[in-house]
Amino acid sequence: MKKFLSVLLVLVLTLSMGTVAFAAGETDMSQVEITIKYTATNMNTISPEETLQFTATNNGVTDGKGNTVNTTQPSLTIPAVQLTQGLAGNGTGGEAKLTITLPSVGTGGFETVGVYEYTITPTAGTSGGVAYHTNNIKLYVTVMQGDNDQLRIAAVHAEQNGGYNAPGTDGKTDEIDMTYSAGQLKVTKTVTGNMGDRDKYFKVAVTLTGEQNKNYAQNYTVTGGSKIENGTNDCTASTITVGKATAFYLKNGETIIIENLPYGVTYTVEEDGTYMTSEGYDAPVYTYSDSGETKSMSEAEETVTITNNKGMNVDTGIGLDNLPYIMMLAFVGVGLAVFFVKKRSSREN
């Protein structure tokens, strides 16, 4: 029992000393890392390549108790962050790092102990479909006296709900979030009516309009459809550009899909109506998944179905209004035939 207590006491003392040593064992920080978490709202979308810019503002130096420290505050240089194409990933997301190198301790840098406060401001990006972190970030660098030299201890406080968590309080975060939202636009052709030609190609123009002051890819991939180059300009395009009407040719049951179209892009779909007068088709009927007056990308999948109808009453050669009378005459004829047959039979007997 005594041996067990002795071992237990040694273990407690060892853990206590380790805890004290860990609490006192502050290390100097020469860099600060802020993690940028980037996620895609929908699967099968590709976030754009771009560069994020940040600026830093000096907010002054205090002694940690609200008293101003009379010293020079060194400025921070904030590097740009490169985001590779597709970084947002499919549901799982990706990460990038904003790495800030802190000034040195001493002349020209942090010249005295104190709490040095900075505001880091993101420069809003302009890529379509991207929701940027636009709130400011507070960076507090506490310069304190260590056992031998002065130490730099940094804490990052990203703005949350319009406010900050003060130094020494809970809620510190060194992560900021971004999202990329894009979806598919599907345009489908349906032909109805007993005279509707299921093999006829109908010309459809699709126009995409981007949000003001937003940048978009040079073009977006289009899949589906079957009409290909046949020696004329009448073919289904394989790409589409924002701001330019693009023609597609669809027959019954076919669908074109515009891939990776950023949220906020509006679209119009208009069919060439010359066939209505030349071939007798009804006016096309458009059915949209978007119930709004202005059609814009806001879901993983937006759909437009264009229905063309052409029908007629078939001439069978018999006036259907006279059918009852014709049937009555037929019955009379049959009755007369039976009567004469029976009469002839009775005479023979």
Protein backbone atom coordinates (compact mmCIF):
# COMPACT_ATOMS: atom_id res chain seq x y z
CA MET A 1 0.00 0.00 0.00
CA LYS A 2 2.80 2.42 0.88
CA LYS A 3 4.56 1.56 -2.35
CA PHE A 4 1.37 2.27 -4.33
CA LEU A 5 0.90 5.64 -2.60
CA SER A 6 4.51 6.57 -3.29
CA VAL A 7 4.13 5.79 -7.00
CA LEU A 8 0.87 7.75 -7.11
CA LEU A 9 2.49 10.76 -5.41
CA VAL A 10 5.39 10.74 -7.87
CA LEU A 11 2.95 10.57 -10.78
CA VAL A 12 0.92 13.52 -9.46
CA LEU A 13 4.05 15.61 -8.90
CA THR A 14 5.32 14.76 -12.36
CA LEU A 15 2.05 15.79 -14.01
CA SER A 16 1.90 18.97 -11.94
CA MET A 17 5.42 19.95 -12.92
CA GLY A 18 4.65 19.20 -16.54
CA THR A 19 1.57 21.40 -16.41
CA VAL A 20 3.44 24.27 -14.86
CA ALA A 21 6.25 23.90 -17.36
CA PHE A 22 3.75 23.84 -20.26
CA ALA A 23 1.99 26.99 -19.03
CA ALA A 24 5.23 28.85 -18.63
CA GLY A 25 6.86 27.46 -21.73
CA GLU A 26 5.73 30.16 -24.17
CA THR A 27 7.56 30.19 -27.48
CA ASP A 28 8.28 33.12 -29.74
CA MET A 29 6.08 33.35 -32.85
CA SER A 30 7.69 34.68 -35.99
CA GLN A 31 4.68 33.95 -38.20
CA VAL A 32 0.91 33.85 -38.00
CA GLU A 33 -1.24 31.56 -40.15
CA ILE A 34 -4.87 32.21 -41.01
CA THR A 35 -6.70 29.29 -42.63
CA ILE A 36 -9.03 30.01 -45.54
CA LYS A 37 -11.65 27.27 -45.79
CA TYR A 38 -13.15 27.09 -49.28
CA THR A 39 -16.13 24.86 -50.05
CA ALA A 40 -18.42 24.27 -53.04
CA THR A 41 -22.17 24.46 -52.49
CA ASN A 42 -22.91 21.76 -55.10
CA MET A 43 -21.20 18.69 -56.49
CA ASN A 44 -19.57 18.62 -59.94
CA THR A 45 -18.67 22.30 -59.93
CA ILE A 46 -15.23 23.85 -60.37
CA SER A 47 -14.27 26.99 -58.47
CA PRO A 48 -12.21 29.58 -60.40
CA GLU A 49 -8.53 30.32 -60.01
CA GLU A 50 -7.91 33.68 -58.39
CA THR A 51 -5.77 35.79 -56.07
CA LEU A 52 -6.92 37.12 -52.68
CA GLN A 53 -5.56 40.45 -51.46
CA PHE A 54 -5.41 41.81 -47.89
CA THR A 55 -4.27 45.05 -46.28
CA ALA A 56 -3.28 45.77 -42.67
CA THR A 57 -3.92 48.88 -40.57
CA ASN A 58 -2.05 49.83 -37.37
CA ASN A 59 -4.47 50.41 -34.47
CA GLY A 60 -2.02 51.33 -31.73
CA VAL A 61 -0.24 49.75 -28.76
CA THR A 62 -1.51 49.28 -25.20
CA ASP A 63 -0.24 47.69 -22.04
CA GLY A 64 -3.09 45.17 -22.03
CA LYS A 65 -5.06 47.20 -19.49
CA GLY A 66 -6.24 49.93 -21.82
CA ASN A 67 -3.32 52.27 -21.28
CA THR A 68 -1.58 53.56 -24.38
CA VAL A 69 2.08 52.66 -24.77
CA ASN A 70 4.18 55.39 -26.36
CA THR A 71 6.14 53.44 -28.95
CA THR A 72 6.40 53.02 -32.70
CA GLN A 73 4.13 50.32 -34.11
CA PRO A 74 5.73 48.44 -37.00
CA SER A 75 3.57 47.87 -40.07
CA LEU A 76 2.65 44.46 -41.43
CA THR A 77 3.10 43.28 -44.98
CA ILE A 78 0.25 40.97 -45.97
CA PRO A 79 1.05 38.60 -48.86
CA ALA A 80 -1.47 37.66 -51.54
CA VAL A 81 -3.03 34.21 -51.41
CA GLN A 82 -3.35 32.13 -54.57
CA LEU A 83 -6.42 29.92 -54.93
CA THR A 84 -6.02 27.17 -57.51
CA GLN A 85 -8.84 26.22 -59.86
CA GLY A 86 -11.15 23.65 -58.29
CA LEU A 87 -9.86 24.24 -54.75
CA ALA A 88 -13.40 24.39 -53.33
CA GLY A 89 -13.80 20.72 -54.21
CA ASN A 90 -16.97 18.63 -54.38
CA GLY A 91 -18.57 18.92 -50.97
CA THR A 92 -15.39 18.27 -48.98
CA GLY A 93 -13.77 21.63 -49.72
CA GLY A 94 -10.17 22.73 -49.61
CA GLU A 95 -7.90 25.06 -47.68
CA ALA A 96 -5.41 27.82 -48.34
CA LYS A 97 -3.12 29.60 -45.89
CA LEU A 98 -2.58 33.31 -45.33
CA THR A 99 0.88 33.43 -43.74
CA ILE A 100 1.93 36.70 -42.09
CA THR A 101 5.55 37.22 -41.12
CA LEU A 102 5.77 39.31 -37.94
CA PRO A 103 8.33 42.10 -37.49
CA SER A 104 11.33 41.23 -35.35
CA VAL A 105 11.77 42.28 -31.74
CA GLY A 106 14.04 45.27 -31.33
CA THR A 107 14.91 48.42 -33.25
CA GLY A 108 12.73 48.83 -36.34
CA GLY A 109 10.29 46.20 -35.13
CA PHE A 110 8.54 45.60 -31.81
CA GLU A 111 10.68 47.89 -29.70
CA THR A 112 8.98 47.37 -26.35
CA VAL A 113 6.56 45.10 -24.51
CA GLY A 114 2.87 45.71 -25.13
CA VAL A 115 -0.17 44.59 -27.10
CA TYR A 116 0.07 45.64 -30.75
CA GLU A 117 -3.32 45.71 -32.48
CA TYR A 118 -3.86 45.41 -36.24
CA THR A 119 -6.91 45.28 -38.48
CA ILE A 120 -6.61 43.05 -41.54
CA THR A 121 -9.07 43.94 -44.29
CA PRO A 122 -9.83 41.58 -47.19
CA THR A 123 -10.17 43.10 -50.65
CA ALA A 124 -13.50 41.92 -52.05
CA GLY A 125 -13.06 39.65 -55.08
CA THR A 126 -15.14 39.78 -58.24
CA SER A 127 -15.50 36.16 -59.40
CA GLY A 128 -19.08 35.16 -60.18
CA GLY A 129 -20.58 32.65 -57.77
CA VAL A 130 -17.98 33.24 -55.02
CA ALA A 131 -19.03 34.35 -51.53
CA TYR A 132 -15.94 35.96 -50.02
CA HIS A 133 -15.06 36.63 -46.41
CA THR A 134 -15.53 40.39 -46.36
CA ASN A 135 -15.40 41.08 -42.61
CA ASN A 136 -12.27 42.47 -41.02
CA ILE A 137 -9.85 40.38 -38.97
CA LYS A 138 -8.21 41.58 -35.75
CA LEU A 139 -4.66 40.53 -35.06
CA TYR A 140 -3.21 41.10 -31.59
CA VAL A 141 0.53 40.63 -31.14
CA THR A 142 1.52 40.58 -27.48
CA VAL A 143 5.18 41.27 -26.90
CA MET A 144 6.12 40.05 -23.44
CA GLN A 145 9.24 39.52 -21.42
CA GLY A 146 10.33 35.89 -21.44
CA ASP A 147 12.92 34.19 -19.31
CA ASN A 148 15.73 35.47 -21.51
CA ASP A 149 14.33 37.60 -24.32
CA GLN A 150 11.13 39.27 -25.33
CA LEU A 151 8.57 36.98 -26.99
CA ARG A 152 5.92 37.59 -29.67
CA ILE A 153 2.57 35.89 -28.97
CA ALA A 154 -0.11 36.41 -31.64
CA ALA A 155 -3.87 35.89 -31.48
CA VAL A 156 -6.33 36.17 -34.38
CA HIS A 157 -9.91 37.36 -33.88
CA ALA A 158 -12.03 37.17 -37.02
CA GLU A 159 -15.04 39.47 -36.94
CA GLN A 160 -18.27 37.65 -36.07
CA ASN A 161 -21.77 39.10 -36.24
CA GLY A 162 -20.44 42.61 -36.65
CA GLY A 163 -18.20 42.54 -33.57
CA TYR A 164 -14.94 41.18 -32.19
CA ASN A 165 -13.97 39.12 -29.21
CA ALA A 166 -11.59 41.14 -27.08
CA PRO A 167 -8.11 39.85 -26.15
CA GLY A 168 -8.21 37.31 -23.34
CA THR A 169 -11.78 36.20 -24.09
CA ASP A 170 -13.13 33.06 -25.68
CA GLY A 171 -14.15 32.88 -29.30
CA LYS A 172 -10.81 33.50 -30.98
CA THR A 173 -10.62 32.03 -34.47
CA ASP A 174 -7.89 31.89 -37.06
CA GLU A 175 -10.19 30.56 -39.79
CA ILE A 176 -12.25 32.37 -42.41
CA ASP A 177 -14.74 30.85 -44.84
CA MET A 178 -15.46 31.16 -48.55
CA THR A 179 -17.98 29.33 -50.74
CA TYR A 180 -18.43 28.74 -54.45
CA SER A 181 -21.99 28.27 -55.72
CA ALA A 182 -22.76 27.10 -59.26
CA GLY A 183 -25.18 24.70 -60.92
CA GLN A 184 -26.45 23.23 -64.17
CA LEU A 185 -28.93 24.78 -66.61
CA LYS A 186 -30.85 22.15 -68.59
CA VAL A 187 -32.91 22.98 -71.70
CA THR A 188 -35.17 20.17 -72.96
CA LYS A 189 -37.23 19.85 -76.15
CA THR A 190 -40.63 18.08 -76.26
CA VAL A 191 -42.75 17.66 -79.42
CA THR A 192 -46.45 16.71 -79.14
CA GLY A 193 -49.42 16.28 -81.48
CA ASN A 194 -50.23 13.74 -84.17
CA MET A 195 -48.45 15.86 -86.78
CA GLY A 196 -45.48 16.84 -84.64
CA ASP A 197 -42.20 15.81 -86.28
CA ARG A 198 -40.09 14.03 -83.63
CA ASP A 199 -37.03 14.16 -85.88
CA LYS A 200 -37.20 17.89 -86.59
CA TYR A 201 -34.52 20.14 -85.09
CA PHE A 202 -35.77 23.36 -83.51
CA LYS A 203 -33.42 26.34 -83.18
CA VAL A 204 -33.16 27.69 -79.62
CA ALA A 205 -31.18 30.76 -78.53
CA VAL A 206 -29.83 30.89 -74.96
CA THR A 207 -28.49 34.17 -73.54
CA LEU A 208 -26.62 34.40 -70.24
CA THR A 209 -26.26 37.69 -68.37
CA GLY A 210 -23.79 38.10 -65.52
CA GLU A 211 -24.04 40.26 -62.42
CA GLN A 212 -22.66 43.77 -62.67
CA ASN A 213 -18.97 44.11 -61.74
CA LYS A 214 -18.51 40.34 -61.65
CA ASN A 215 -16.00 38.33 -63.67
CA TYR A 216 -16.81 35.07 -65.41
CA ALA A 217 -14.98 32.31 -67.24
CA GLN A 218 -14.23 32.82 -70.91
CA ASN A 219 -16.87 30.19 -71.69
CA TYR A 220 -18.87 27.38 -70.09
CA THR A 221 -19.11 23.81 -71.33
CA VAL A 222 -22.33 22.57 -72.95
CA THR A 223 -23.13 18.85 -73.20
CA GLY A 224 -26.02 16.96 -74.79
CA GLY A 225 -27.86 17.40 -78.08
CA SER A 226 -27.08 15.48 -81.27
CA LYS A 227 -26.93 17.99 -84.13
CA ILE A 228 -23.35 18.36 -85.32
CA GLU A 229 -21.57 20.37 -88.00
CA ASN A 230 -22.98 19.41 -91.39
CA GLY A 231 -21.26 21.84 -93.71
CA THR A 232 -23.34 24.82 -92.61
CA ASN A 233 -23.41 27.00 -89.54
CA ASP A 234 -26.40 25.07 -88.19
CA CYS A 235 -24.98 23.00 -85.36
CA THR A 236 -25.29 22.72 -81.61
CA ALA A 237 -22.56 24.72 -79.83
CA SER A 238 -20.28 22.98 -77.33
CA THR A 239 -19.64 26.13 -75.26
CA ILE A 240 -21.48 29.29 -74.30
CA THR A 241 -20.20 32.73 -73.26
CA VAL A 242 -21.80 35.08 -70.74
CA GLY A 243 -23.25 38.10 -72.52
CA LYS A 244 -23.57 36.47 -75.95
CA ALA A 245 -26.64 34.73 -77.43
CA THR A 246 -25.77 31.19 -78.50
CA ALA A 247 -27.83 28.98 -80.84
CA PHE A 248 -28.61 25.33 -80.15
CA TYR A 249 -30.61 22.78 -82.16
CA LEU A 250 -32.79 20.26 -80.36
CA LYS A 251 -35.26 17.60 -81.39
CA ASN A 252 -37.84 15.75 -79.33
CA GLY A 253 -36.45 14.21 -76.14
CA GLU A 254 -33.08 15.96 -76.30
CA THR A 255 -31.52 18.08 -73.54
CA ILE A 256 -28.52 20.39 -73.48
CA ILE A 257 -26.76 20.99 -70.16
CA ILE A 258 -24.74 24.13 -69.40
CA GLU A 259 -22.23 23.12 -66.73
CA ASN A 260 -20.77 25.01 -63.75
CA LEU A 261 -22.89 28.14 -64.19
CA PRO A 262 -22.35 30.52 -61.24
CA TYR A 263 -25.25 31.56 -59.05
CA GLY A 264 -26.59 35.00 -59.92
CA VAL A 265 -26.30 34.54 -63.68
CA THR A 266 -29.66 35.23 -65.36
CA TYR A 267 -30.75 33.41 -68.49
CA THR A 268 -33.26 33.75 -71.32
CA VAL A 269 -34.35 30.92 -73.60
CA GLU A 270 -36.07 31.84 -76.86
CA GLU A 271 -37.00 29.58 -79.73
CA ASP A 272 -36.94 30.66 -83.37
CA GLY A 273 -40.63 30.92 -84.29
CA THR A 274 -40.45 30.98 -88.10
CA TYR A 275 -41.73 27.39 -88.27
CA MET A 276 -45.00 28.45 -86.62
CA THR A 277 -46.22 30.16 -89.78
CA SER A 278 -44.33 28.05 -92.31
CA GLU A 279 -45.11 24.65 -90.79
CA GLY A 280 -48.21 25.20 -88.70
CA TYR A 281 -46.84 24.54 -85.20
CA ASP A 282 -48.49 26.15 -82.19
CA ALA A 283 -46.56 28.81 -80.28
CA PRO A 284 -43.94 27.14 -78.03
CA VAL A 285 -44.79 26.63 -74.37
CA TYR A 286 -41.96 27.26 -71.89
CA THR A 287 -41.93 25.48 -68.52
CA TYR A 288 -39.35 26.74 -65.98
CA SER A 289 -38.27 25.26 -62.66
CA ASP A 290 -37.58 28.86 -61.55
CA SER A 291 -40.92 30.45 -60.68
CA GLY A 292 -39.50 33.98 -60.48
CA GLU A 293 -40.17 36.63 -63.07
CA THR A 294 -36.46 36.90 -63.79
CA LYS A 295 -34.81 33.54 -64.31
CA SER A 296 -31.48 33.23 -62.55
CA MET A 297 -29.18 30.49 -61.30
CA SER A 298 -29.85 29.80 -57.63
CA GLU A 299 -30.09 26.00 -57.42
CA ALA A 300 -27.93 22.99 -58.19
CA GLU A 301 -30.16 22.40 -61.21
CA GLU A 302 -32.36 24.80 -63.17
CA THR A 303 -34.56 23.44 -65.99
CA VAL A 304 -36.40 24.82 -69.01
CA THR A 305 -38.69 22.62 -71.12
CA ILE A 306 -39.90 23.85 -74.51
CA THR A 307 -43.00 22.10 -75.86
CA ASN A 308 -43.98 22.33 -79.54
CA ASN A 309 -47.38 21.00 -80.60
CA LYS A 310 -48.80 20.30 -84.05
CA GLY A 311 -52.03 18.40 -84.45
CA MET A 312 -54.98 18.02 -86.86
CA ASN A 313 -58.28 16.19 -87.21
CA VAL A 314 -57.73 13.09 -89.31
CA ASP A 315 -60.07 12.69 -92.36
CA THR A 316 -61.30 9.07 -92.24
CA GLY A 317 -63.67 9.34 -95.30
CA ILE A 318 -66.82 8.88 -93.21
CA GLY A 319 -68.75 11.69 -91.65
CA LEU A 320 -69.00 10.62 -88.04
CA ASP A 321 -72.19 12.69 -87.57
CA ASN A 322 -74.06 10.33 -89.99
CA LEU A 323 -72.79 7.15 -88.37
CA PRO A 324 -76.04 6.40 -86.39
CA TYR A 325 -78.16 6.60 -89.54
CA ILE A 326 -75.77 4.40 -91.47
CA MET A 327 -75.97 1.82 -88.72
CA MET A 328 -79.80 1.90 -88.80
CA LEU A 329 -79.82 1.30 -92.58
CA ALA A 330 -77.41 -1.57 -92.12
CA PHE A 331 -79.73 -3.22 -89.59
CA VAL A 332 -82.72 -2.74 -91.93
CA GLY A 333 -80.80 -4.35 -94.78
CA VAL A 334 -79.88 -7.32 -92.65
CA GLY A 335 -83.52 -7.66 -91.52
CA LEU A 336 -84.82 -7.63 -95.10
CA ALA A 337 -82.28 -10.23 -96.15
CA VAL A 338 -83.37 -12.55 -93.33
CA PHE A 339 -87.07 -12.01 -94.24
CA PHE A 340 -86.60 -12.97 -97.89
CA VAL A 341 -84.52 -16.00 -97.01
CA LYS A 342 -87.21 -17.29 -94.66
CA LYS A 343 -89.99 -16.59 -97.19
CA ARG A 344 -88.16 -18.51 -99.90
CA SER A 345 -87.54 -21.39 -97.57
CA SER A 346 -91.26 -21.66 -96.66
CA ARG A 347 -92.25 -21.78 -100.36
CA GLU A 348 -89.86 -24.61 -101.07
CA ASN A 349 -91.32 -26.62 -98.21
